[in-house]
Amino acid sequence: MGRLDCKEASLIALKGLARDADVFALITEAEGQAGADYAATHAMKSTASGAAGLASLLASKSHRAALKLDRSSHVMLIMSEGPE
C-alpha cells in the first residue's frame, strides 16, 4: 500500500483528523489485499490502498463494533483508486 505510506504525516491533516474523525484503523498489507480481492469479486476492481476502508471493515470485528455496525447497517465507502 505504498500510496498510503507518506513517510512524514501532514500536521495540518492530522489536526483535522483528530478533530473530525471518530475512529482510526490500522490494517496490514495482507488485509488491504484481501479488501481489494473482495471488491474485485463484486465487480469493483481496486488496489489494496484504494480498498483500504473496505479492508478495515472486513478485517476487524472490533472496528465494526466501535462503529456500531450490524447486519442492518448501510455503509458508504470511497474506493480511491482503480486497478493498476
Protein backbone atom coordinates (compact mmCIF):
# COMPACT_ATOMS: atom_id res chain seq x y z
CA MET A 1 0.00 0.00 0.00
CA GLY A 2 2.75 2.39 -0.97
CA ARG A 3 0.32 5.13 -1.88
CA LEU A 4 -0.78 5.34 1.75
CA ASP A 5 2.77 5.33 3.10
CA CYS A 6 3.55 9.03 3.21
CA LYS A 7 6.67 8.71 5.44
CA GLU A 8 6.00 12.07 7.12
CA ALA A 9 2.50 12.96 8.21
CA SER A 10 0.99 16.35 7.41
CA LEU A 11 0.41 18.19 10.69
CA ILE A 12 -2.50 20.08 9.13
CA ALA A 13 -4.15 16.83 8.04
CA LEU A 14 -3.53 15.17 11.41
CA LYS A 15 -5.10 18.09 13.28
CA GLY A 16 -8.15 17.87 11.02
CA LEU A 17 -8.44 14.13 11.51
CA ALA A 18 -8.03 14.44 15.27
CA ARG A 19 -10.81 17.00 15.34
CA ASP A 20 -13.25 15.33 12.94
CA ALA A 21 -12.66 11.56 12.97
CA ASP A 22 -14.36 9.22 15.39
CA VAL A 23 -12.43 6.02 14.65
CA PHE A 24 -9.00 5.20 13.20
CA ALA A 25 -7.88 1.81 11.94
CA LEU A 26 -4.63 0.13 11.01
CA ILE A 27 -4.55 -2.71 8.51
CA THR A 28 -1.81 -4.97 7.24
CA GLU A 29 -0.69 -5.35 3.64
CA ALA A 30 -2.44 -8.74 3.54
CA GLU A 31 -5.69 -7.27 4.88
CA GLY A 32 -5.51 -4.48 2.30
CA GLN A 33 -5.06 -7.01 -0.49
CA ALA A 34 -7.95 -9.07 0.90
CA GLY A 35 -10.14 -5.97 0.68
CA ALA A 36 -9.13 -5.42 -2.95
CA ASP A 37 -9.74 -9.09 -3.73
CA TYR A 38 -13.18 -8.97 -2.09
CA ALA A 39 -14.07 -5.82 -4.04
CA ALA A 40 -12.95 -7.48 -7.29
CA THR A 41 -15.32 -10.40 -6.70
CA HIS A 42 -18.12 -7.80 -6.66
CA ALA A 43 -17.02 -6.11 -9.92
CA MET A 44 -15.27 -3.22 -8.13
CA LYS A 45 -11.60 -3.55 -9.07
CA SER A 46 -9.16 -1.51 -6.98
CA THR A 47 -5.73 -1.59 -5.44
CA ALA A 48 -5.03 -2.58 -1.84
CA SER A 49 -4.69 1.09 -0.85
CA GLY A 50 -7.83 2.06 -2.78
CA ALA A 51 -9.83 -0.60 -0.94
CA ALA A 52 -8.31 0.12 2.49
CA GLY A 53 -11.60 1.28 4.03
CA LEU A 54 -13.37 -1.88 2.90
CA ALA A 55 -10.44 -3.98 4.07
CA SER A 56 -10.64 -2.43 7.52
CA LEU A 57 -14.31 -3.28 7.89
CA LEU A 58 -13.78 -6.83 6.66
CA ALA A 59 -10.73 -7.44 8.85
CA SER A 60 -11.91 -6.38 12.27
CA LYS A 61 -14.95 -7.16 14.35
CA SER A 62 -13.76 -4.55 16.84
CA HIS A 63 -13.85 -1.84 14.13
CA ARG A 64 -17.41 -2.80 13.27
CA ALA A 65 -18.34 -2.86 16.96
CA ALA A 66 -16.77 0.58 17.56
CA LEU A 67 -18.87 1.94 14.71
CA LYS A 68 -21.96 0.08 16.00
CA LEU A 69 -22.39 -1.71 12.68
CA ASP A 70 -24.58 -4.77 12.35
CA ARG A 71 -26.28 -6.72 9.55
CA SER A 72 -28.86 -3.95 9.07
CA SER A 73 -26.24 -1.19 8.68
CA HIS A 74 -25.55 0.60 5.41
CA VAL A 75 -22.00 1.82 4.86
CA MET A 76 -20.70 4.16 2.19
CA LEU A 77 -17.06 3.54 1.32
CA ILE A 78 -14.96 5.51 -1.11
CA MET A 79 -12.63 3.46 -3.26
CA SER A 80 -9.97 5.96 -4.18
CA GLU A 81 -8.20 4.03 -6.95
CA GLY A 82 -8.95 1.85 -9.90
CA PRO A 83 -6.92 -1.24 -10.76
CA GLU A 84 -3.29 -0.85 -11.78
